[in-house]
């Protein structure tokens, strides 16, 4: 699906995606114990033309992640291929990170000339 940036972030399709894997965000707030002894991390990534507000998200093996995308400018998506996560504006994906490593995330909506710069990493220790 091809889409252009614009629409002032008015993507009214809200749904949730439950995927078994990791998500991203540097500023994460611990909530409660996760299933594997980790904590629940509620992370919101804000997207604008052409960047995410978080370039690096640090997590621990066993953490459960509630990853939400909020577009503040343009139309964007957030994809973490290694964890089968692909969310749009206002959507939340919940998953548990079960393996240490560095995982890339990117914008999943072709949003314009700066699209290729919309990347980041999730670091699981």
PDB file of N, CA and C in Angstrom:
ATOM      1  N   UNK A   1       0.845  -1.173   0.000  1.00  0.00           N
ATOM      2  CA  UNK A   1       0.000   0.000   0.000  1.00  0.00           C
ATOM      3  C   UNK A   1       0.885   1.228   0.000  1.00  0.00           C
ATOM      4  N   UNK A   2       0.653   2.137  -0.919  1.00  0.00           N
ATOM      5  CA  UNK A   2       1.401   3.381  -0.973  1.00  0.00           C
ATOM      6  C   UNK A   2       0.547   4.490  -0.410  1.00  0.00           C
ATOM      7  N   UNK A   3       1.178   5.370   0.352  1.00  0.00           N
ATOM      8  CA  UNK A   3       0.464   6.487   0.950  1.00  0.00           C
ATOM      9  C   UNK A   3       1.429   7.645   1.056  1.00  0.00           C
ATOM     10  N   UNK A   4       0.927   8.834   0.984  1.00  0.00           N
ATOM     11  CA  UNK A   4       1.790  10.012   1.082  1.00  0.00           C
ATOM     12  C   UNK A   4       1.638  10.645   2.444  1.00  0.00           C
ATOM     13  N   UNK A   5       2.668  11.351   2.888  1.00  0.00           N
ATOM     14  CA  UNK A   5       2.576  12.082   4.137  1.00  0.00           C
ATOM     15  C   UNK A   5       1.550  13.182   3.960  1.00  0.00           C
ATOM     16  N   UNK A   6       0.918  13.503   5.016  1.00  0.00           N
ATOM     17  CA  UNK A   6      -0.111  14.529   4.981  1.00  0.00           C
ATOM     18  C   UNK A   6      -1.271  14.072   5.807  1.00  0.00           C
ATOM     19  N   UNK A   7      -2.437  14.511   5.489  1.00  0.00           N
ATOM     20  CA  UNK A   7      -3.643  14.092   6.185  1.00  0.00           C
ATOM     21  C   UNK A   7      -3.601  14.478   7.647  1.00  0.00           C
ATOM     22  N   UNK A   8      -2.599  15.270   8.043  1.00  0.00           N
ATOM     23  CA  UNK A   8      -2.440  15.757   9.415  1.00  0.00           C
ATOM     24  C   UNK A   8      -2.581  14.666  10.457  1.00  0.00           C
ATOM     25  N   UNK A   9      -2.164  13.459  10.130  1.00  0.00           N
ATOM     26  CA  UNK A   9      -2.203  12.365  11.089  1.00  0.00           C
ATOM     27  C   UNK A   9      -3.598  11.857  11.346  1.00  0.00           C
ATOM     28  N   UNK A  10      -4.555  12.168  10.486  1.00  0.00           N
ATOM     29  CA  UNK A  10      -5.935  11.753  10.700  1.00  0.00           C
ATOM     30  C   UNK A  10      -6.193  10.384  10.110  1.00  0.00           C
ATOM     31  N   UNK A  11      -5.498   9.397  10.561  1.00  0.00           N
ATOM     32  CA  UNK A  11      -5.733   8.025  10.152  1.00  0.00           C
ATOM     33  C   UNK A  11      -6.673   7.441  11.190  1.00  0.00           C
ATOM     34  N   UNK A  12      -7.937   7.364  10.866  1.00  0.00           N
ATOM     35  CA  UNK A  12      -8.953   6.978  11.837  1.00  0.00           C
ATOM     36  C   UNK A  12      -9.039   5.486  12.072  1.00  0.00           C
ATOM     37  N   UNK A  13      -8.295   4.689  11.343  1.00  0.00           N
ATOM     38  CA  UNK A  13      -8.352   3.246  11.530  1.00  0.00           C
ATOM     39  C   UNK A  13      -7.537   2.881  12.754  1.00  0.00           C
ATOM     40  N   UNK A  14      -8.204   2.477  13.800  1.00  0.00           N
ATOM     41  CA  UNK A  14      -7.510   2.085  15.025  1.00  0.00           C
ATOM     42  C   UNK A  14      -7.768   0.620  15.280  1.00  0.00           C
ATOM     43  N   UNK A  15      -6.702  -0.130  15.456  1.00  0.00           N
ATOM     44  CA  UNK A  15      -6.845  -1.533  15.785  1.00  0.00           C
ATOM     45  C   UNK A  15      -5.646  -1.928  16.607  1.00  0.00           C
ATOM     46  N   UNK A  16      -5.653  -3.142  17.108  1.00  0.00           N
ATOM     47  CA  UNK A  16      -4.496  -3.575  17.870  1.00  0.00           C
ATOM     48  C   UNK A  16      -3.947  -4.840  17.260  1.00  0.00           C
ATOM     49  N   UNK A  17      -2.662  -5.022  17.474  1.00  0.00           N
ATOM     50  CA  UNK A  17      -1.976  -6.166  16.908  1.00  0.00           C
ATOM     51  C   UNK A  17      -1.217  -6.847  18.023  1.00  0.00           C
ATOM     52  N   UNK A  18      -1.558  -8.072  18.295  1.00  0.00           N
ATOM     53  CA  UNK A  18      -0.843  -8.823  19.312  1.00  0.00           C
ATOM     54  C   UNK A  18       0.196  -9.671  18.607  1.00  0.00           C
ATOM     55  N   UNK A  19       1.458  -9.335  18.797  1.00  0.00           N
ATOM     56  CA  UNK A  19       2.531 -10.055  18.134  1.00  0.00           C
ATOM     57  C   UNK A  19       3.537 -10.525  19.165  1.00  0.00           C
ATOM     58  N   UNK A  20       4.118 -11.693  18.983  1.00  0.00           N
ATOM     59  CA  UNK A  20       5.072 -12.241  19.948  1.00  0.00           C
ATOM     60  C   UNK A  20       6.463 -11.706  19.722  1.00  0.00           C
ATOM     61  N   UNK A  21       6.812 -10.535  20.278  1.00  0.00           N
ATOM     62  CA  UNK A  21       8.157 -10.052  20.076  1.00  0.00           C
ATOM     63  C   UNK A  21       8.456  -8.778  20.804  1.00  0.00           C
ATOM     64  N   UNK A  22       9.355  -7.965  20.240  1.00  0.00           N
ATOM     65  CA  UNK A  22       9.886  -6.791  20.895  1.00  0.00           C
ATOM     66  C   UNK A  22       9.381  -5.504  20.287  1.00  0.00           C
ATOM     67  N   UNK A  23       9.466  -4.421  21.041  1.00  0.00           N
ATOM     68  CA  UNK A  23       9.061  -3.120  20.526  1.00  0.00           C
ATOM     69  C   UNK A  23      10.081  -2.081  20.905  1.00  0.00           C
ATOM     70  N   UNK A  24       9.753  -0.769  20.651  1.00  0.00           N
ATOM     71  CA  UNK A  24      10.788   0.208  20.850  1.00  0.00           C
ATOM     72  C   UNK A  24      10.416   1.400  21.688  1.00  0.00           C
ATOM     73  N   UNK A  25      11.435   1.986  22.357  1.00  0.00           N
ATOM     74  CA  UNK A  25      11.284   3.242  23.067  1.00  0.00           C
ATOM     75  C   UNK A  25      12.343   3.393  24.134  1.00  0.00           C
ATOM     76  N   UNK A  26      12.974   4.563  24.178  1.00  0.00           N
ATOM     77  CA  UNK A  26      13.995   4.807  25.182  1.00  0.00           C
ATOM     78  C   UNK A  26      13.384   5.191  26.509  1.00  0.00           C
ATOM     79  N   UNK A  27      12.329   5.958  26.466  1.00  0.00           N
ATOM     80  CA  UNK A  27      11.659   6.376  27.690  1.00  0.00           C
ATOM     81  C   UNK A  27      10.530   5.416  27.961  1.00  0.00           C
ATOM     82  N   UNK A  28      10.798   4.407  28.765  1.00  0.00           N
ATOM     83  CA  UNK A  28       9.770   3.426  29.051  1.00  0.00           C
ATOM     84  C   UNK A  28       9.460   3.430  30.532  1.00  0.00           C
ATOM     85  N   UNK A  29       8.215   3.177  30.832  1.00  0.00           N
ATOM     86  CA  UNK A  29       7.772   3.200  32.219  1.00  0.00           C
ATOM     87  C   UNK A  29       7.395   1.808  32.673  1.00  0.00           C
ATOM     88  N   UNK A  30       8.082   1.269  33.680  1.00  0.00           N
ATOM     89  CA  UNK A  30       7.723  -0.050  34.171  1.00  0.00           C
ATOM     90  C   UNK A  30       6.339  -0.020  34.804  1.00  0.00           C
ATOM     91  N   UNK A  31       5.576  -1.055  34.576  1.00  0.00           N
ATOM     92  CA  UNK A  31       4.236  -1.113  35.142  1.00  0.00           C
ATOM     93  C   UNK A  31       4.120  -2.272  36.116  1.00  0.00           C
ATOM     94  N   UNK A  32       4.126  -3.490  35.607  1.00  0.00           N
ATOM     95  CA  UNK A  32       3.970  -4.633  36.494  1.00  0.00           C
ATOM     96  C   UNK A  32       4.801  -5.783  35.976  1.00  0.00           C
ATOM     97  N   UNK A  33       4.885  -6.850  36.758  1.00  0.00           N
ATOM     98  CA  UNK A  33       5.668  -8.006  36.364  1.00  0.00           C
ATOM     99  C   UNK A  33       5.095  -8.685  35.144  1.00  0.00           C
ATOM    100  N   UNK A  34       5.962  -9.072  34.206  1.00  0.00           N
ATOM    101  CA  UNK A  34       5.538  -9.770  33.007  1.00  0.00           C
ATOM    102  C   UNK A  34       5.535 -11.266  33.231  1.00  0.00           C
ATOM    103  N   UNK A  35       5.105 -12.017  32.253  1.00  0.00           N
ATOM    104  CA  UNK A  35       4.960 -13.458  32.363  1.00  0.00           C
ATOM    105  C   UNK A  35       6.294 -14.158  32.587  1.00  0.00           C
ATOM    106  N   UNK A  36       7.383 -13.647  32.028  1.00  0.00           N
ATOM    107  CA  UNK A  36       8.675 -14.310  32.128  1.00  0.00           C
ATOM    108  C   UNK A  36       9.571 -13.673  33.173  1.00  0.00           C
ATOM    109  N   UNK A  37       8.998 -12.955  34.123  1.00  0.00           N
ATOM    110  CA  UNK A  37       9.790 -12.333  35.158  1.00  0.00           C
ATOM    111  C   UNK A  37      10.228 -10.929  34.826  1.00  0.00           C
ATOM    112  N   UNK A  38       9.960 -10.448  33.624  1.00  0.00           N
ATOM    113  CA  UNK A  38      10.288  -9.080  33.250  1.00  0.00           C
ATOM    114  C   UNK A  38       9.195  -8.147  33.726  1.00  0.00           C
ATOM    115  N   UNK A  39       9.266  -6.913  33.283  1.00  0.00           N
ATOM    116  CA  UNK A  39       8.240  -5.934  33.633  1.00  0.00           C
ATOM    117  C   UNK A  39       7.441  -5.584  32.386  1.00  0.00           C
ATOM    118  N   UNK A  40       6.312  -4.922  32.594  1.00  0.00           N
ATOM    119  CA  UNK A  40       5.524  -4.437  31.467  1.00  0.00           C
ATOM    120  C   UNK A  40       5.984  -3.027  31.140  1.00  0.00           C
ATOM    121  N   UNK A  41       6.386  -2.822  29.909  1.00  0.00           N
ATOM    122  CA  UNK A  41       6.865  -1.522  29.448  1.00  0.00           C
ATOM    123  C   UNK A  41       5.811  -0.926  28.522  1.00  0.00           C
ATOM    124  N   UNK A  42       5.245   0.220  28.898  1.00  0.00           N
ATOM    125  CA  UNK A  42       4.287   0.919  28.047  1.00  0.00           C
ATOM    126  C   UNK A  42       5.041   2.025  27.323  1.00  0.00           C
ATOM    127  N   UNK A  43       5.168   1.876  26.015  1.00  0.00           N
ATOM    128  CA  UNK A  43       6.004   2.768  25.218  1.00  0.00           C
ATOM    129  C   UNK A  43       5.166   3.407  24.118  1.00  0.00           C
ATOM    130  N   UNK A  44       5.220   4.726  24.037  1.00  0.00           N
ATOM    131  CA  UNK A  44       4.564   5.443  22.948  1.00  0.00           C
ATOM    132  C   UNK A  44       5.640   6.101  22.098  1.00  0.00           C
ATOM    133  N   UNK A  45       5.613   5.809  20.816  1.00  0.00           N
ATOM    134  CA  UNK A  45       6.534   6.417  19.865  1.00  0.00           C
ATOM    135  C   UNK A  45       5.743   7.448  19.069  1.00  0.00           C
ATOM    136  N   UNK A  46       6.255   8.676  19.029  1.00  0.00           N
ATOM    137  CA  UNK A  46       5.626   9.746  18.256  1.00  0.00           C
ATOM    138  C   UNK A  46       6.361   9.883  16.924  1.00  0.00           C
ATOM    139  N   UNK A  47       5.589   9.951  15.837  1.00  0.00           N
ATOM    140  CA  UNK A  47       6.167  10.067  14.499  1.00  0.00           C
ATOM    141  C   UNK A  47       5.762  11.390  13.874  1.00  0.00           C
ATOM    142  N   UNK A  48       6.741  12.022  13.238  1.00  0.00           N
ATOM    143  CA  UNK A  48       6.460  13.234  12.470  1.00  0.00           C
ATOM    144  C   UNK A  48       7.347  13.199  11.237  1.00  0.00           C
ATOM    145  N   UNK A  49       7.135  14.127  10.344  1.00  0.00           N
ATOM    146  CA  UNK A  49       7.913  14.140   9.103  1.00  0.00           C
ATOM    147  C   UNK A  49       9.323  14.634   9.381  1.00  0.00           C
ATOM    148  N   UNK A  50      10.324  13.924   9.268  1.00  0.00           N
ATOM    149  CA  UNK A  50      10.462  12.520   8.930  1.00  0.00           C
ATOM    150  C   UNK A  50      11.302  11.859  10.003  1.00  0.00           C
ATOM    151  N   UNK A  51      10.753  11.684  11.181  1.00  0.00           N
ATOM    152  CA  UNK A  51      11.515  11.087  12.272  1.00  0.00           C
ATOM    153  C   UNK A  51      10.601  10.533  13.350  1.00  0.00           C
ATOM    154  N   UNK A  52      11.155   9.572  14.093  1.00  0.00           N
ATOM    155  CA  UNK A  52      10.526   9.071  15.309  1.00  0.00           C
ATOM    156  C   UNK A  52      11.155   9.817  16.475  1.00  0.00           C
ATOM    157  N   UNK A  53      10.399  10.037  17.548  1.00  0.00           N
ATOM    158  CA  UNK A  53      10.976  10.727  18.705  1.00  0.00           C
ATOM    159  C   UNK A  53      11.917   9.824  19.491  1.00  0.00           C
ATOM    160  N   UNK A  54      11.864   8.530  19.246  1.00  0.00           N
ATOM    161  CA  UNK A  54      12.758   7.578  19.909  1.00  0.00           C
ATOM    162  C   UNK A  54      13.559   6.853  18.832  1.00  0.00           C
ATOM    163  N   UNK A  55      14.866   6.956  18.912  1.00  0.00           N
ATOM    164  CA  UNK A  55      15.737   6.260  17.967  1.00  0.00           C
ATOM    165  C   UNK A  55      16.239   4.947  18.557  1.00  0.00           C
ATOM    166  N   UNK A  56      16.161   4.838  19.880  1.00  0.00           N
ATOM    167  CA  UNK A  56      16.653   3.647  20.564  1.00  0.00           C
ATOM    168  C   UNK A  56      15.734   3.326  21.734  1.00  0.00           C
ATOM    169  N   UNK A  57      15.356   2.069  21.841  1.00  0.00           N
ATOM    170  CA  UNK A  57      14.514   1.603  22.950  1.00  0.00           C
ATOM    171  C   UNK A  57      15.248   0.460  23.632  1.00  0.00           C
ATOM    172  N   UNK A  58      15.442   0.578  24.932  1.00  0.00           N
ATOM    173  CA  UNK A  58      16.159  -0.459  25.673  1.00  0.00           C
ATOM    174  C   UNK A  58      15.177  -1.263  26.513  1.00  0.00           C
ATOM    175  N   UNK A  59      15.288  -2.592  26.395  1.00  0.00           N
ATOM    176  CA  UNK A  59      14.416  -3.518  27.110  1.00  0.00           C
ATOM    177  C   UNK A  59      15.249  -4.650  27.681  1.00  0.00           C
ATOM    178  N   UNK A  60      14.610  -5.453  28.527  1.00  0.00           N
ATOM    179  CA  UNK A  60      15.260  -6.626  29.102  1.00  0.00           C
ATOM    180  C   UNK A  60      14.522  -7.883  28.658  1.00  0.00           C
ATOM    181  N   UNK A  61      15.266  -8.967  28.486  1.00  0.00           N
ATOM    182  CA  UNK A  61      14.650 -10.241  28.129  1.00  0.00           C
ATOM    183  C   UNK A  61      13.548 -10.542  29.142  1.00  0.00           C
ATOM    184  N   UNK A  62      12.388 -10.917  28.655  1.00  0.00           N
ATOM    185  CA  UNK A  62      11.250 -11.227  29.517  1.00  0.00           C
ATOM    186  C   UNK A  62      10.272 -10.081  29.675  1.00  0.00           C
ATOM    187  N   UNK A  63      10.650  -8.869  29.249  1.00  0.00           N
ATOM    188  CA  UNK A  63       9.728  -7.733  29.345  1.00  0.00           C
ATOM    189  C   UNK A  63       8.539  -7.933  28.408  1.00  0.00           C
ATOM    190  N   UNK A  64       7.372  -7.523  28.880  1.00  0.00           N
ATOM    191  CA  UNK A  64       6.189  -7.441  28.031  1.00  0.00           C
ATOM    192  C   UNK A  64       6.078  -5.994  27.582  1.00  0.00           C
ATOM    193  N   UNK A  65       5.853  -5.796  26.290  1.00  0.00           N
ATOM    194  CA  UNK A  65       5.844  -4.458  25.711  1.00  0.00           C
ATOM    195  C   UNK A  65       4.453  -4.122  25.195  1.00  0.00           C
ATOM    196  N   UNK A  66       3.991  -2.928  25.560  1.00  0.00           N
ATOM    197  CA  UNK A  66       2.779  -2.362  24.963  1.00  0.00           C
ATOM    198  C   UNK A  66       3.259  -1.162  24.165  1.00  0.00           C
ATOM    199  N   UNK A  67       3.380  -1.340  22.849  1.00  0.00           N
ATOM    200  CA  UNK A  67       3.948  -0.330  21.964  1.00  0.00           C
ATOM    201  C   UNK A  67       2.833   0.383  21.209  1.00  0.00           C
ATOM    202  N   UNK A  68       2.776   1.707  21.362  1.00  0.00           N
ATOM    203  CA  UNK A  68       1.747   2.516  20.712  1.00  0.00           C
ATOM    204  C   UNK A  68       2.407   3.528  19.788  1.00  0.00           C
ATOM    205  N   UNK A  69       1.799   3.749  18.624  1.00  0.00           N
ATOM    206  CA  UNK A  69       2.281   4.762  17.683  1.00  0.00           C
ATOM    207  C   UNK A  69       1.307   5.927  17.661  1.00  0.00           C
ATOM    208  N   UNK A  70       1.850   7.136  17.800  1.00  0.00           N
ATOM    209  CA  UNK A  70       1.056   8.366  17.683  1.00  0.00           C
ATOM    210  C   UNK A  70       1.709   9.249  16.630  1.00  0.00           C
ATOM    211  N   UNK A  71       0.968   9.570  15.577  1.00  0.00           N
ATOM    212  CA  UNK A  71       1.468  10.479  14.543  1.00  0.00           C
ATOM    213  C   UNK A  71       1.190  11.912  14.966  1.00  0.00           C
ATOM    214  N   UNK A  72       2.235  12.740  14.992  1.00  0.00           N
ATOM    215  CA  UNK A  72       2.054  14.154  15.314  1.00  0.00           C
ATOM    216  C   UNK A  72       2.102  15.015  14.059  1.00  0.00           C
ATOM    217  N   UNK A  73       2.580  14.436  12.959  1.00  0.00           N
ATOM    218  CA  UNK A  73       2.628  15.138  11.680  1.00  0.00           C
ATOM    219  C   UNK A  73       2.742  14.095  10.579  1.00  0.00           C
ATOM    220  N   UNK A  74       1.862  14.124   9.618  1.00  0.00           N
ATOM    221  CA  UNK A  74       1.912  13.174   8.516  1.00  0.00           C
ATOM    222  C   UNK A  74       1.259  11.851   8.864  1.00  0.00           C
ATOM    223  N   UNK A  75       1.371  10.908   7.933  1.00  0.00           N
ATOM    224  CA  UNK A  75       0.813   9.565   8.112  1.00  0.00           C
ATOM    225  C   UNK A  75       1.973   8.583   8.110  1.00  0.00           C
ATOM    226  N   UNK A  76       2.106   7.833   9.193  1.00  0.00           N
ATOM    227  CA  UNK A  76       3.229   6.917   9.359  1.00  0.00           C
ATOM    228  C   UNK A  76       2.749   5.603   9.961  1.00  0.00           C
ATOM    229  N   UNK A  77       3.601   4.603   9.890  1.00  0.00           N
ATOM    230  CA  UNK A  77       3.388   3.327  10.546  1.00  0.00           C
ATOM    231  C   UNK A  77       4.676   2.958  11.249  1.00  0.00           C
ATOM    232  N   UNK A  78       4.628   1.942  12.098  1.00  0.00           N
ATOM    233  CA  UNK A  78       5.833   1.491  12.791  1.00  0.00           C
ATOM    234  C   UNK A  78       5.897  -0.022  12.666  1.00  0.00           C
ATOM    235  N   UNK A  79       7.003  -0.492  12.099  1.00  0.00           N
ATOM    236  CA  UNK A  79       7.191  -1.913  11.855  1.00  0.00           C
ATOM    237  C   UNK A  79       8.451  -2.401  12.562  1.00  0.00           C
ATOM    238  N   UNK A  80       8.309  -3.540  13.260  1.00  0.00           N
ATOM    239  CA  UNK A  80       9.451  -4.232  13.853  1.00  0.00           C
ATOM    240  C   UNK A  80       9.420  -5.640  13.248  1.00  0.00           C
ATOM    241  N   UNK A  81      10.073  -5.834  12.103  1.00  0.00           N
ATOM    242  CA  UNK A  81       9.951  -7.097  11.369  1.00  0.00           C
ATOM    243  C   UNK A  81      10.296  -8.340  12.181  1.00  0.00           C
ATOM    244  N   UNK A  82      11.320  -8.264  13.024  1.00  0.00           N
ATOM    245  CA  UNK A  82      11.735  -9.444  13.785  1.00  0.00           C
ATOM    246  C   UNK A  82      10.688  -9.906  14.786  1.00  0.00           C
ATOM    247  N   UNK A  83       9.714  -9.048  15.098  1.00  0.00           N
ATOM    248  CA  UNK A  83       8.683  -9.402  16.064  1.00  0.00           C
ATOM    249  C   UNK A  83       7.281  -9.385  15.459  1.00  0.00           C
ATOM    250  N   UNK A  84       7.212  -9.346  14.144  1.00  0.00           N
ATOM    251  CA  UNK A  84       5.918  -9.337  13.451  1.00  0.00           C
ATOM    252  C   UNK A  84       5.005  -8.225  13.932  1.00  0.00           C
ATOM    253  N   UNK A  85       5.580  -7.063  14.205  1.00  0.00           N
ATOM    254  CA  UNK A  85       4.810  -5.896  14.649  1.00  0.00           C
ATOM    255  C   UNK A  85       4.714  -4.918  13.484  1.00  0.00           C
ATOM    256  N   UNK A  86       3.501  -4.464  13.194  1.00  0.00           N
ATOM    257  CA  UNK A  86       3.286  -3.444  12.167  1.00  0.00           C
ATOM    258  C   UNK A  86       2.024  -2.690  12.565  1.00  0.00           C
ATOM    259  N   UNK A  87       2.200  -1.505  13.163  1.00  0.00           N
ATOM    260  CA  UNK A  87       1.062  -0.735  13.670  1.00  0.00           C
ATOM    261  C   UNK A  87       0.956   0.604  12.961  1.00  0.00           C
ATOM    262  N   UNK A  88      -0.254   1.149  12.977  1.00  0.00           N
ATOM    263  CA  UNK A  88      -0.539   2.462  12.402  1.00  0.00           C
ATOM    264  C   UNK A  88      -0.904   3.416  13.522  1.00  0.00           C
ATOM    265  N   UNK A  89      -1.146   4.665  13.164  1.00  0.00           N
ATOM    266  CA  UNK A  89      -1.482   5.703  14.133  1.00  0.00           C
ATOM    267  C   UNK A  89      -2.588   5.259  15.088  1.00  0.00           C
ATOM    268  N   UNK A  90      -2.321   5.395  16.379  1.00  0.00           N
ATOM    269  CA  UNK A  90      -3.303   5.074  17.402  1.00  0.00           C
ATOM    270  C   UNK A  90      -3.381   3.609  17.771  1.00  0.00           C
ATOM    271  N   UNK A  91      -2.668   2.757  17.077  1.00  0.00           N
ATOM    272  CA  UNK A  91      -2.703   1.325  17.362  1.00  0.00           C
ATOM    273  C   UNK A  91      -1.648   0.960  18.403  1.00  0.00           C
ATOM    274  N   UNK A  92      -1.914  -0.154  19.089  1.00  0.00           N
ATOM    275  CA  UNK A  92      -0.994  -0.679  20.094  1.00  0.00           C
ATOM    276  C   UNK A  92      -0.733  -2.147  19.809  1.00  0.00           C
ATOM    277  N   UNK A  93       0.515  -2.551  19.891  1.00  0.00           N
ATOM    278  CA  UNK A  93       0.901  -3.957  19.779  1.00  0.00           C
ATOM    279  C   UNK A  93       1.444  -4.386  21.136  1.00  0.00           C
ATOM    280  N   UNK A  94       1.040  -5.562  21.585  1.00  0.00           N
ATOM    281  CA  UNK A  94       1.529  -6.104  22.852  1.00  0.00           C
ATOM    282  C   UNK A  94       2.284  -7.394  22.557  1.00  0.00           C
ATOM    283  N   UNK A  95       3.503  -7.492  23.094  1.00  0.00           N
ATOM    284  CA  UNK A  95       4.312  -8.684  22.873  1.00  0.00           C
ATOM    285  C   UNK A  95       5.345  -8.801  23.983  1.00  0.00           C
ATOM    286  N   UNK A  96       5.974  -9.967  24.065  1.00  0.00           N
ATOM    287  CA  UNK A  96       7.019 -10.211  25.061  1.00  0.00           C
ATOM    288  C   UNK A  96       8.343 -10.416  24.339  1.00  0.00           C
ATOM    289  N   UNK A  97       9.368  -9.691  24.793  1.00  0.00           N
ATOM    290  CA  UNK A  97      10.696  -9.865  24.196  1.00  0.00           C
ATOM    291  C   UNK A  97      11.361 -11.045  24.890  1.00  0.00           C
ATOM    292  N   UNK A  98      11.715 -12.052  24.102  1.00  0.00           N
ATOM    293  CA  UNK A  98      12.194 -13.295  24.693  1.00  0.00           C
ATOM    294  C   UNK A  98      13.629 -13.637  24.330  1.00  0.00           C
ATOM    295  N   UNK A  99      14.298 -12.724  23.624  1.00  0.00           N
ATOM    296  CA  UNK A  99      15.653 -13.025  23.177  1.00  0.00           C
ATOM    297  C   UNK A  99      16.484 -11.745  23.134  1.00  0.00           C
ATOM    298  N   UNK A 100      17.701 -11.815  23.689  1.00  0.00           N
ATOM    299  CA  UNK A 100      18.603 -10.658  23.656  1.00  0.00           C
ATOM    300  C   UNK A 100      19.045 -10.385  22.221  1.00  0.00           C
ATOM    301  N   UNK A 101      19.270  -9.113  21.925  1.00  0.00           N
ATOM    302  CA  UNK A 101      19.746  -8.741  20.598  1.00  0.00           C
ATOM    303  C   UNK A 101      19.372  -7.314  20.260  1.00  0.00           C
ATOM    304  N   UNK A 102      19.744  -6.892  19.075  1.00  0.00           N
ATOM    305  CA  UNK A 102      19.409  -5.565  18.562  1.00  0.00           C
ATOM    306  C   UNK A 102      18.484  -5.752  17.369  1.00  0.00           C
ATOM    307  N   UNK A 103      17.334  -5.094  17.427  1.00  0.00           N
ATOM    308  CA  UNK A 103      16.292  -5.267  16.416  1.00  0.00           C
ATOM    309  C   UNK A 103      15.937  -3.907  15.820  1.00  0.00           C
ATOM    310  N   UNK A 104      15.896  -3.843  14.501  1.00  0.00           N
ATOM    311  CA  UNK A 104      15.588  -2.596  13.806  1.00  0.00           C
ATOM    312  C   UNK A 104      14.088  -2.369  13.723  1.00  0.00           C
ATOM    313  N   UNK A 105      13.681  -1.081  13.781  1.00  0.00           N
ATOM    314  CA  UNK A 105      12.308  -0.722  13.455  1.00  0.00           C
ATOM    315  C   UNK A 105      12.333   0.415  12.446  1.00  0.00           C
ATOM    316  N   UNK A 106      11.232   0.572  11.717  1.00  0.00           N
ATOM    317  CA  UNK A 106      11.174   1.574  10.657  1.00  0.00           C
ATOM    318  C   UNK A 106       9.728   1.997  10.405  1.00  0.00           C
ATOM    319  N   UNK A 107       9.595   3.077   9.636  1.00  0.00           N
ATOM    320  CA  UNK A 107       8.274   3.530   9.203  1.00  0.00           C
ATOM    321  C   UNK A 107       7.791   2.564   8.128  1.00  0.00           C
ATOM    322  N   UNK A 108       6.555   2.099   8.255  1.00  0.00           N
ATOM    323  CA  UNK A 108       6.014   1.120   7.312  1.00  0.00           C
ATOM    324  C   UNK A 108       5.092   1.744   6.271  1.00  0.00           C
ATOM    325  N   UNK A 109       4.969   3.071   6.276  1.00  0.00           N
ATOM    326  CA  UNK A 109       4.137   3.775   5.302  1.00  0.00           C
ATOM    327  C   UNK A 109       5.049   4.671   4.471  1.00  0.00           C
ATOM    328  N   UNK A 110       5.023   4.506   3.163  1.00  0.00           N
ATOM    329  CA  UNK A 110       5.849   5.345   2.287  1.00  0.00           C
ATOM    330  C   UNK A 110       5.360   6.784   2.424  1.00  0.00           C
ATOM    331  N   UNK A 111       6.066   7.575   3.232  1.00  0.00           N
ATOM    332  CA  UNK A 111       5.555   8.882   3.653  1.00  0.00           C
ATOM    333  C   UNK A 111       6.197  10.072   2.950  1.00  0.00           C
ATOM    334  N   UNK A 112       7.149   9.845   2.083  1.00  0.00           N
ATOM    335  CA  UNK A 112       7.746  10.967   1.372  1.00  0.00           C
ATOM    336  C   UNK A 112       9.252  10.868   1.285  1.00  0.00           C
ATOM    337  N   UNK A 113       9.891  11.985   0.973  1.00  0.00           N
ATOM    338  CA  UNK A 113      11.325  12.013   0.688  1.00  0.00           C
ATOM    339  C   UNK A 113      12.201  11.610   1.869  1.00  0.00           C
ATOM    340  N   UNK A 114      11.752  11.802   3.090  1.00  0.00           N
ATOM    341  CA  UNK A 114      12.554  11.450   4.258  1.00  0.00           C
ATOM    342  C   UNK A 114      12.216  10.098   4.852  1.00  0.00           C
ATOM    343  N   UNK A 115      11.387   9.324   4.156  1.00  0.00           N
ATOM    344  CA  UNK A 115      10.912   8.030   4.660  1.00  0.00           C
ATOM    345  C   UNK A 115      12.052   7.111   5.102  1.00  0.00           C
ATOM    346  N   UNK A 116      13.104   7.003   4.298  1.00  0.00           N
ATOM    347  CA  UNK A 116      14.197   6.082   4.608  1.00  0.00           C
ATOM    348  C   UNK A 116      14.951   6.456   5.877  1.00  0.00           C
ATOM    349  N   UNK A 117      14.783   7.680   6.363  1.00  0.00           N
ATOM    350  CA  UNK A 117      15.455   8.113   7.590  1.00  0.00           C
ATOM    351  C   UNK A 117      14.670   7.748   8.845  1.00  0.00           C
ATOM    352  N   UNK A 118      13.460   7.241   8.683  1.00  0.00           N
ATOM    353  CA  UNK A 118      12.617   6.922   9.842  1.00  0.00           C
ATOM    354  C   UNK A 118      12.927   5.509  10.328  1.00  0.00           C
ATOM    355  N   UNK A 119      13.998   5.409  11.104  1.00  0.00           N
ATOM    356  CA  UNK A 119      14.461   4.122  11.613  1.00  0.00           C
ATOM    357  C   UNK A 119      14.863   4.258  13.073  1.00  0.00           C
ATOM    358  N   UNK A 120      15.019   3.127  13.716  1.00  0.00           N
ATOM    359  CA  UNK A 120      15.499   3.090  15.086  1.00  0.00           C
ATOM    360  C   UNK A 120      15.840   1.660  15.460  1.00  0.00           C
ATOM    361  N   UNK A 121      16.253   1.478  16.710  1.00  0.00           N
ATOM    362  CA  UNK A 121      16.632   0.148  17.179  1.00  0.00           C
ATOM    363  C   UNK A 121      16.022  -0.144  18.536  1.00  0.00           C
ATOM    364  N   UNK A 122      15.672  -1.402  18.709  1.00  0.00           N
ATOM    365  CA  UNK A 122      15.271  -1.927  20.014  1.00  0.00           C
ATOM    366  C   UNK A 122      16.431  -2.794  20.485  1.00  0.00           C
ATOM    367  N   UNK A 123      16.923  -2.481  21.672  1.00  0.00           N
ATOM    368  CA  UNK A 123      18.047  -3.228  22.233  1.00  0.00           C
ATOM    369  C   UNK A 123      17.527  -4.019  23.425  1.00  0.00           C
ATOM    370  N   UNK A 124      17.635  -5.343  23.325  1.00  0.00           N
ATOM    371  CA  UNK A 124      17.158  -6.233  24.384  1.00  0.00           C
ATOM    372  C   UNK A 124      18.373  -6.863  25.046  1.00  0.00           C
ATOM    373  N   UNK A 125      18.498  -6.657  26.364  1.00  0.00           N
ATOM    374  CA  UNK A 125      19.646  -7.191  27.117  1.00  0.00           C
ATOM    375  C   UNK A 125      19.202  -8.270  28.071  1.00  0.00           C
TER     376      UNK A 125
END
